[in-house]
Amino acid sequence: MTTALARLSQNNQRRNLRFNILHEFFFGFGIAFNDVSTILPLFMTLLGAPLAIAGSMAGLLAILMAAPQLISALLARNTVNIRAATVKVHLTILPPIFTAGFVFAFFAPTGPSAWIFYYICFIFYALGIGFIIPIWTNFLKHVTDRKNRGTFLGISFIGNSIGGFIGGIVVKNLLGSSIPFPANFGWGFIILGIALIFSIAAYLGFKVKNPAHHPKKRTVSDFITETKTLLKSNQNFRRYIYSRIFLTAQFPAISLYAVYARDLFQFDVSEAGFLTAARLVAFGLGSIVAGKIGDRISHKSAMAFCFLCHTLAMGTALTAQSMFWVYGIFIFLGMAQGAFMPAAMSLVFDFAGEDGDNKMIMALIDTILCPFILIAITLGGLLAETVSLTFLFRILGMAMLTGFLIIIFLVRNPHQVPIIDSNP
């Protein structure tokens, strides 16, 4: 049985866009204090964590986010109150953030046990995000319409970019203030937690479209059957997965860009605030460009733009001559990350079709990628400790370029070949 959704009025779409911009603004502002491409690698390095650990933060986040997604999608397969489920699951990320914030702000631990303590908090935080993603994806399906979904997401992520830019400036001032290390980072984590509370509260203002008729309840067996059918029946989906496997090369790179650049140019750690701000401004630009490309051409083309920006970030890193080039690295990285969100989420909706289970497809993609991310960050960490970062970056750049070529020449526009017909 399909579960066609009622359409949203133009007024409700505009209302939802305003609240999603508000949600993304506070989320982007907060994440600037916990950024895996600049803040956390430097924080872990200053706490004395090994380079392999500091360089694995982005990859670890991706792995831990992927780990619980199929479980989350399975548990939420028959969710009725979509808004309540979305709000409740978001609350799971607050305890580890506030715990880390209060410990570092008021007790300022240092030494080996300090980075291990934060690492544990980060693990629980990342697992919480993993439970959020399938439910959040389904929520977005119920507050948007397909014809302008890419633009909706692209404009929303500009709010994330603006919030991140402001947050990056605050980070710069916080880390350059008289507050000693690591208490300055601890206060940043507390600010993150407060910002997340405001971000979650924004969900209360959305208008949610409901199914046109009551969907059939799905069993665990139904869920497993749909998952197997998805993997076996659609070659285009498998090719998309292949391209994403090569893009996992981004994860060791993301966490090592700041460390690599600091080794080259010896900039002050507070500069990470401006690098974060630059990345998040570029994030907003990338998201709106990808959203427009997705709605006017195809979401596959928007994802190809994401791949291209990642490749350009790596190329800039390998040819960096000054701090000006370092900002170029994070601008291309930000554009890639901004493009990824509307492109990847819209591709999930297109692969599912309007009546398919987008929760399951989102969870399945990230779960399949999980071991490859682990391989990427493990090999990246080993090579970072044994060979030069320049040599490592060349390998990662070749992998990114291969993924770009696959999605350009082998992946078709999935909106023309939806995979599966099932309940949302």
Protein backbone atom coordinates (compact mmCIF):
# COMPACT_ATOMS: atom_id res chain seq x y z
CA MET A 1 0.00 0.00 0.00
CA THR A 2 1.33 3.43 -0.86
CA THR A 3 0.90 6.42 1.41
CA ALA A 4 0.54 9.52 -0.69
CA LEU A 5 1.05 12.69 1.29
CA ALA A 6 -1.22 15.70 1.29
CA ARG A 7 0.36 18.76 -0.35
CA LEU A 8 1.39 21.80 1.63
CA SER A 9 -0.05 25.22 0.86
CA GLN A 10 2.32 27.95 -0.27
CA ASN A 11 1.86 29.72 3.07
CA ASN A 12 2.77 26.56 4.98
CA GLN A 13 5.81 26.00 2.77
CA ARG A 14 7.03 29.53 3.47
CA ARG A 15 6.34 29.05 7.19
CA ASN A 16 8.31 25.81 7.22
CA LEU A 17 11.18 27.46 5.37
CA ARG A 18 11.36 30.25 7.97
CA PHE A 19 11.43 27.78 10.86
CA ASN A 20 13.96 25.54 9.11
CA ILE A 21 16.24 28.54 8.55
CA LEU A 22 15.88 29.33 12.26
CA HIS A 23 16.63 25.72 13.16
CA GLU A 24 19.70 25.62 10.91
CA PHE A 25 20.94 29.00 12.14
CA PHE A 26 21.17 27.86 15.76
CA PHE A 27 22.52 24.46 14.74
CA GLY A 28 25.24 26.04 12.58
CA PHE A 29 26.11 28.55 15.30
CA GLY A 30 26.53 25.77 17.85
CA ILE A 31 28.47 23.36 15.63
CA ALA A 32 31.12 26.06 15.08
CA PHE A 33 32.28 25.24 18.64
CA ASN A 34 32.56 21.51 17.86
CA ASP A 35 33.74 21.55 14.25
CA VAL A 36 35.41 18.28 13.17
CA SER A 37 37.47 19.93 10.43
CA THR A 38 39.14 22.64 12.54
CA ILE A 39 38.23 22.91 16.23
CA LEU A 40 38.23 19.27 17.35
CA PRO A 41 41.46 18.12 15.64
CA LEU A 42 43.32 21.07 17.18
CA PHE A 43 41.61 20.54 20.56
CA MET A 44 42.56 16.85 20.61
CA THR A 45 46.11 17.61 19.48
CA LEU A 46 46.55 20.21 22.24
CA LEU A 47 45.23 17.71 24.78
CA GLY A 48 47.97 15.31 23.70
CA ALA A 49 45.97 12.88 21.57
CA PRO A 50 47.97 10.95 18.91
CA LEU A 51 47.83 12.37 15.37
CA ALA A 52 45.95 9.26 14.20
CA ILE A 53 43.22 10.01 16.76
CA ALA A 54 43.02 13.73 16.00
CA GLY A 55 42.94 12.96 12.28
CA SER A 56 40.09 10.47 12.68
CA MET A 57 37.48 12.81 14.20
CA ALA A 58 35.52 13.44 10.98
CA GLY A 59 35.65 9.76 10.01
CA LEU A 60 34.73 8.61 13.50
CA LEU A 61 31.75 10.96 13.44
CA ALA A 62 30.60 9.47 10.13
CA ILE A 63 31.05 5.87 11.34
CA LEU A 64 29.23 6.41 14.61
CA MET A 65 26.47 8.34 12.84
CA ALA A 66 26.01 5.40 10.47
CA ALA A 67 26.10 2.65 13.11
CA PRO A 68 22.60 3.08 14.63
CA GLN A 69 20.74 4.31 11.55
CA LEU A 70 19.18 1.03 10.43
CA ILE A 71 18.06 0.39 14.01
CA SER A 72 16.59 3.90 14.15
CA ALA A 73 14.81 3.44 10.81
CA LEU A 74 13.48 0.06 11.92
CA LEU A 75 12.16 1.38 15.24
CA ALA A 76 10.59 4.40 13.51
CA ARG A 77 9.04 2.46 10.61
CA ASN A 78 5.47 2.99 11.88
CA THR A 79 5.88 6.42 13.50
CA VAL A 80 2.64 8.39 13.63
CA ASN A 81 3.58 11.64 15.41
CA ILE A 82 6.55 12.63 13.26
CA ARG A 83 7.21 15.99 14.96
CA ALA A 84 7.26 14.51 18.47
CA ALA A 85 9.60 11.72 17.39
CA THR A 86 11.94 14.26 15.78
CA VAL A 87 12.09 16.47 18.87
CA LYS A 88 12.58 13.56 21.29
CA VAL A 89 15.41 11.94 19.32
CA HIS A 90 17.24 15.28 19.06
CA LEU A 91 17.32 15.54 22.84
CA THR A 92 19.68 12.53 23.00
CA ILE A 93 22.69 14.63 21.89
CA LEU A 94 22.44 17.16 24.72
CA PRO A 95 23.78 15.12 27.72
CA PRO A 96 27.24 14.30 26.25
CA ILE A 97 27.72 17.89 25.04
CA PHE A 98 26.82 19.47 28.39
CA THR A 99 28.86 16.85 30.27
CA ALA A 100 31.99 17.65 28.25
CA GLY A 101 31.29 21.38 28.56
CA PHE A 102 30.93 21.44 32.35
CA VAL A 103 33.95 19.17 32.97
CA PHE A 104 36.33 21.17 30.75
CA ALA A 105 34.92 24.59 31.71
CA PHE A 106 35.00 24.09 35.49
CA PHE A 107 37.61 21.38 36.09
CA ALA A 108 39.95 21.98 33.10
CA PRO A 109 41.50 18.49 32.98
CA THR A 110 44.67 17.89 30.98
CA GLY A 111 46.84 14.86 30.19
CA PRO A 112 45.99 11.52 28.55
CA SER A 113 42.79 11.01 30.54
CA ALA A 114 41.47 14.38 29.34
CA TRP A 115 41.40 13.60 25.63
CA ILE A 116 40.06 10.10 26.36
CA PHE A 117 37.22 11.61 28.39
CA TYR A 118 36.27 13.96 25.57
CA TYR A 119 36.60 11.12 23.06
CA ILE A 120 34.00 9.14 25.03
CA CYS A 121 31.62 12.13 25.14
CA PHE A 122 32.11 12.59 21.40
CA ILE A 123 31.24 8.93 20.76
CA PHE A 124 27.89 9.26 22.58
CA TYR A 125 27.21 12.56 20.78
CA ALA A 126 27.88 10.98 17.37
CA LEU A 127 25.72 7.92 18.12
CA GLY A 128 22.89 10.29 19.06
CA ILE A 129 23.17 12.04 15.70
CA GLY A 130 23.02 8.62 14.04
CA PHE A 131 19.67 7.91 15.68
CA ILE A 132 18.47 11.36 14.59
CA ILE A 133 19.25 11.19 10.87
CA PRO A 134 16.59 8.72 9.57
CA ILE A 135 13.84 10.32 11.66
CA TRP A 136 14.94 13.85 10.70
CA THR A 137 15.03 12.83 7.01
CA ASN A 138 11.48 11.54 7.24
CA PHE A 139 10.42 14.76 8.99
CA LEU A 140 11.82 16.84 6.12
CA LYS A 141 9.84 14.76 3.63
CA HIS A 142 6.66 15.69 5.52
CA VAL A 143 7.39 19.44 5.62
CA THR A 144 8.49 19.94 1.98
CA ASP A 145 7.26 19.25 -1.55
CA ARG A 146 9.47 17.55 -4.10
CA LYS A 147 9.33 20.23 -6.80
CA ASN A 148 11.20 22.77 -4.63
CA ARG A 149 12.85 20.49 -2.06
CA GLY A 150 16.39 21.17 -3.26
CA THR A 151 15.92 24.93 -3.08
CA PHE A 152 14.19 24.61 0.31
CA LEU A 153 17.16 22.71 1.72
CA GLY A 154 19.70 24.96 0.00
CA ILE A 155 18.16 28.16 1.38
CA SER A 156 17.79 26.57 4.82
CA PHE A 157 21.47 25.71 4.96
CA ILE A 158 22.31 29.36 4.30
CA GLY A 159 20.88 29.87 7.79
CA ASN A 160 23.35 27.23 8.96
CA SER A 161 26.13 29.10 7.18
CA ILE A 162 25.26 32.47 8.71
CA GLY A 163 24.99 30.92 12.16
CA GLY A 164 28.30 29.15 11.63
CA PHE A 165 30.00 32.35 10.48
CA ILE A 166 28.86 34.19 13.62
CA GLY A 167 29.80 31.18 15.72
CA GLY A 168 33.25 31.07 14.13
CA ILE A 169 33.88 34.69 15.08
CA VAL A 170 32.77 33.94 18.66
CA VAL A 171 35.09 30.91 18.66
CA LYS A 172 37.97 33.13 17.48
CA ASN A 173 37.35 35.56 20.36
CA LEU A 174 36.79 32.78 22.90
CA LEU A 175 40.00 30.92 22.05
CA GLY A 176 41.95 34.18 21.99
CA SER A 177 40.54 35.37 25.31
CA SER A 178 42.13 35.20 28.76
CA ILE A 179 40.20 32.01 29.56
CA PRO A 180 42.91 29.34 29.85
CA PHE A 181 43.02 26.10 27.88
CA PRO A 182 41.08 23.80 28.02
CA ALA A 183 38.37 25.79 29.86
CA ASN A 184 37.91 27.98 26.79
CA PHE A 185 36.90 24.91 24.75
CA GLY A 186 34.65 23.77 27.61
CA TRP A 187 32.69 27.02 27.48
CA GLY A 188 32.40 26.52 23.75
CA PHE A 189 30.76 23.13 24.30
CA ILE A 190 28.29 24.71 26.75
CA ILE A 191 27.41 27.36 24.17
CA LEU A 192 26.90 24.52 21.66
CA GLY A 193 24.44 22.81 23.99
CA ILE A 194 22.41 26.00 24.53
CA ALA A 195 22.31 26.66 20.78
CA LEU A 196 21.08 23.11 20.15
CA ILE A 197 18.18 23.66 22.57
CA PHE A 198 17.02 26.67 20.54
CA SER A 199 17.54 24.70 17.32
CA ILE A 200 15.36 21.83 18.56
CA ALA A 201 12.65 24.23 19.77
CA ALA A 202 12.24 25.51 16.20
CA TYR A 203 10.63 22.19 15.23
CA LEU A 204 7.55 23.18 17.20
CA GLY A 205 6.67 25.81 14.59
CA PHE A 206 6.52 23.56 11.52
CA LYS A 207 3.37 22.58 9.66
CA VAL A 208 3.58 18.84 8.92
CA LYS A 209 1.70 17.23 6.03
CA ASN A 210 -0.01 13.95 6.89
CA PRO A 211 -0.61 10.86 4.72
CA ALA A 212 -3.72 11.10 2.56
CA HIS A 213 -4.81 7.77 4.05
CA HIS A 214 -3.71 5.59 6.94
CA PRO A 215 -0.65 3.49 6.01
CA LYS A 216 -0.38 -0.23 6.47
CA LYS A 217 1.67 -1.29 9.50
CA ARG A 218 5.00 -2.75 8.47
CA THR A 219 6.63 -5.70 10.22
CA VAL A 220 10.34 -6.27 10.72
CA SER A 221 10.12 -8.90 7.96
CA ASP A 222 8.64 -6.31 5.57
CA PHE A 223 11.48 -3.93 6.39
CA ILE A 224 14.17 -6.57 5.75
CA THR A 225 12.53 -7.67 2.48
CA GLU A 226 12.39 -4.10 1.21
CA THR A 227 16.06 -3.61 2.09
CA LYS A 228 17.11 -6.73 0.16
CA THR A 229 14.99 -5.73 -2.83
CA LEU A 230 16.57 -2.30 -2.84
CA LEU A 231 20.09 -3.72 -3.03
CA LYS A 232 19.38 -6.45 -5.60
CA SER A 233 17.04 -4.76 -8.06
CA ASN A 234 18.64 -1.42 -8.90
CA GLN A 235 22.04 -1.19 -10.55
CA ASN A 236 21.91 2.61 -10.53
CA PHE A 237 21.69 2.65 -6.75
CA ARG A 238 24.70 0.34 -6.49
CA ARG A 239 26.70 2.61 -8.80
CA TYR A 240 25.82 5.58 -6.63
CA ILE A 241 27.11 3.64 -3.63
CA TYR A 242 30.37 2.96 -5.50
CA SER A 243 30.87 6.69 -6.06
CA ARG A 244 30.19 7.40 -2.39
CA ILE A 245 32.71 4.72 -1.36
CA PHE A 246 35.48 6.61 -3.15
CA LEU A 247 34.32 9.85 -1.54
CA THR A 248 35.04 8.34 1.90
CA ALA A 249 38.58 9.57 1.20
CA GLN A 250 37.31 12.95 2.40
CA PHE A 251 37.15 11.83 6.04
CA PRO A 252 40.83 11.55 6.93
CA ALA A 253 41.44 14.67 4.82
CA ILE A 254 38.82 16.79 6.61
CA SER A 255 40.39 16.28 10.01
CA LEU A 256 43.96 16.67 8.75
CA TYR A 257 43.61 19.86 6.68
CA ALA A 258 43.96 22.13 9.74
CA VAL A 259 46.82 20.09 11.22
CA TYR A 260 48.61 20.02 7.83
CA ALA A 261 48.18 23.76 7.32
CA ARG A 262 49.34 24.60 10.84
CA ASP A 263 52.48 22.51 10.31
CA LEU A 264 53.15 24.45 7.10
CA PHE A 265 52.45 28.00 8.28
CA GLN A 266 52.49 27.84 12.12
CA PHE A 267 49.35 29.95 12.55
CA ASP A 268 47.91 30.66 16.01
CA VAL A 269 45.26 28.20 17.19
CA SER A 270 42.70 31.02 17.44
CA GLU A 271 42.92 31.29 13.62
CA ALA A 272 40.78 28.14 13.59
CA GLY A 273 37.82 30.37 14.41
CA PHE A 274 38.21 32.35 11.17
CA LEU A 275 38.88 29.17 9.18
CA THR A 276 35.65 27.74 10.58
CA ALA A 277 33.79 30.94 9.71
CA ALA A 278 35.16 30.86 6.15
CA ARG A 279 34.17 27.22 5.75
CA LEU A 280 30.66 27.83 7.00
CA VAL A 281 30.10 30.86 4.76
CA ALA A 282 31.18 28.68 1.84
CA PHE A 283 28.86 25.97 3.21
CA GLY A 284 25.92 28.31 2.65
CA LEU A 285 27.04 29.17 -0.88
CA GLY A 286 27.51 25.50 -1.73
CA SER A 287 24.09 24.55 -0.36
CA ILE A 288 22.16 27.14 -2.37
CA VAL A 289 24.12 26.38 -5.56
CA ALA A 290 23.49 22.64 -5.14
CA GLY A 291 19.82 23.24 -4.34
CA LYS A 292 19.35 25.29 -7.51
CA ILE A 293 21.28 22.77 -9.62
CA GLY A 294 19.18 19.96 -8.16
CA ASP A 295 15.82 21.57 -8.86
CA ARG A 296 16.74 22.92 -12.33
CA ILE A 297 18.97 20.12 -13.68
CA SER A 298 19.15 17.06 -11.41
CA HIS A 299 20.16 16.17 -7.88
CA LYS A 300 22.78 13.85 -9.40
CA SER A 301 24.40 16.93 -10.96
CA ALA A 302 24.27 18.66 -7.58
CA MET A 303 26.11 15.71 -6.03
CA ALA A 304 28.70 15.86 -8.82
CA PHE A 305 29.27 19.51 -7.86
CA CYS A 306 29.92 18.32 -4.28
CA PHE A 307 32.50 15.79 -5.50
CA LEU A 308 34.21 18.46 -7.61
CA CYS A 309 34.54 20.85 -4.67
CA HIS A 310 36.10 18.12 -2.50
CA THR A 311 38.62 17.43 -5.27
CA LEU A 312 39.43 21.15 -5.56
CA ALA A 313 39.94 21.40 -1.79
CA MET A 314 42.52 18.63 -1.96
CA GLY A 315 44.19 20.20 -4.98
CA THR A 316 44.45 23.51 -3.13
CA ALA A 317 45.97 21.80 -0.09
CA LEU A 318 48.62 20.12 -2.22
CA THR A 319 49.62 23.41 -3.84
CA ALA A 320 49.23 25.74 -0.82
CA GLN A 321 51.79 28.59 -0.74
CA SER A 322 50.43 30.86 2.01
CA MET A 323 47.56 31.36 4.47
CA PHE A 324 45.52 32.71 1.57
CA TRP A 325 45.62 29.22 0.08
CA VAL A 326 44.68 27.71 3.44
CA TYR A 327 41.48 29.74 3.41
CA GLY A 328 40.93 28.40 -0.12
CA ILE A 329 41.09 24.84 1.23
CA PHE A 330 38.33 25.54 3.73
CA ILE A 331 36.23 27.50 1.25
CA PHE A 332 36.19 24.58 -1.20
CA LEU A 333 35.63 22.18 1.70
CA GLY A 334 32.72 24.27 2.94
CA MET A 335 31.16 24.40 -0.53
CA ALA A 336 31.49 20.62 -0.81
CA GLN A 337 29.90 20.04 2.59
CA GLY A 338 27.15 22.56 1.89
CA ALA A 339 26.38 20.98 -1.48
CA PHE A 340 26.35 17.51 0.03
CA MET A 341 23.40 18.08 2.36
CA PRO A 342 20.68 19.12 -0.15
CA ALA A 343 22.09 16.86 -2.88
CA ALA A 344 22.42 13.69 -0.79
CA MET A 345 19.07 14.11 0.95
CA SER A 346 17.25 14.90 -2.30
CA LEU A 347 18.84 11.85 -3.95
CA VAL A 348 17.52 9.71 -1.09
CA PHE A 349 14.00 11.03 -1.72
CA ASP A 350 14.42 10.44 -5.48
CA PHE A 351 15.70 6.89 -5.01
CA ALA A 352 12.74 6.14 -2.74
CA GLY A 353 10.12 7.78 -4.91
CA GLU A 354 7.45 9.94 -3.34
CA ASP A 355 5.88 6.93 -1.59
CA GLY A 356 9.06 5.01 -0.69
CA ASP A 357 10.77 4.60 2.65
CA ASN A 358 13.38 7.34 2.67
CA LYS A 359 14.35 6.49 6.26
CA MET A 360 15.45 3.02 5.23
CA ILE A 361 17.36 4.23 2.15
CA MET A 362 19.21 6.94 4.10
CA ALA A 363 20.11 4.42 6.81
CA LEU A 364 21.15 1.78 4.30
CA ILE A 365 23.50 4.09 2.39
CA ASP A 366 25.28 5.23 5.55
CA THR A 367 25.44 1.68 6.93
CA ILE A 368 27.03 0.32 3.73
CA LEU A 369 29.57 3.16 3.76
CA CYS A 370 30.46 2.60 7.41
CA PRO A 371 33.19 -0.08 6.92
CA PHE A 372 34.73 1.89 4.07
CA ILE A 373 34.91 5.00 6.23
CA LEU A 374 36.60 2.89 8.90
CA ILE A 375 39.13 1.64 6.34
CA ALA A 376 39.72 5.19 5.10
CA ILE A 377 40.39 6.70 8.51
CA THR A 378 42.43 3.68 9.69
CA LEU A 379 44.69 3.74 6.65
CA GLY A 380 44.75 7.54 6.76
CA GLY A 381 45.82 7.48 10.40
CA LEU A 382 48.52 4.89 9.75
CA LEU A 383 49.89 6.75 6.74
CA ALA A 384 49.75 10.07 8.60
CA GLU A 385 52.06 8.59 11.22
CA THR A 386 54.45 6.82 8.80
CA VAL A 387 54.65 8.91 5.59
CA SER A 388 54.26 12.58 4.75
CA LEU A 389 50.81 14.16 4.75
CA THR A 390 51.54 15.33 1.21
CA PHE A 391 51.84 11.72 0.00
CA LEU A 392 48.66 10.78 1.88
CA PHE A 393 46.76 13.71 0.37
CA ARG A 394 47.77 12.64 -3.15
CA ILE A 395 46.25 9.20 -2.56
CA LEU A 396 43.08 10.69 -1.10
CA GLY A 397 42.80 13.15 -4.00
CA MET A 398 42.98 10.34 -6.56
CA ALA A 399 40.18 8.50 -4.76
CA MET A 400 38.00 11.63 -4.72
CA LEU A 401 38.59 12.17 -8.45
CA THR A 402 37.61 8.56 -9.18
CA GLY A 403 34.32 9.01 -7.31
CA PHE A 404 33.66 12.21 -9.26
CA LEU A 405 34.13 10.37 -12.59
CA ILE A 406 31.84 7.53 -11.51
CA ILE A 407 28.96 9.81 -10.58
CA ILE A 408 29.39 11.83 -13.80
CA PHE A 409 29.56 8.94 -16.26
CA LEU A 410 27.91 5.91 -14.61
CA VAL A 411 25.13 7.13 -12.28
CA ARG A 412 21.76 8.04 -13.84
CA ASN A 413 19.25 10.54 -12.48
CA PRO A 414 17.41 8.37 -9.90
CA HIS A 415 14.19 10.38 -10.09
CA GLN A 416 13.56 8.66 -13.41
CA VAL A 417 14.10 5.19 -11.92
CA PRO A 418 12.66 5.08 -8.34
CA ILE A 419 13.67 1.96 -6.50
CA ILE A 420 10.97 0.74 -4.27
CA ASP A 421 7.30 1.27 -3.46
CA SER A 422 6.72 1.10 0.27
CA ASN A 423 5.39 2.99 3.25
CA PRO A 424 7.20 6.15 4.46
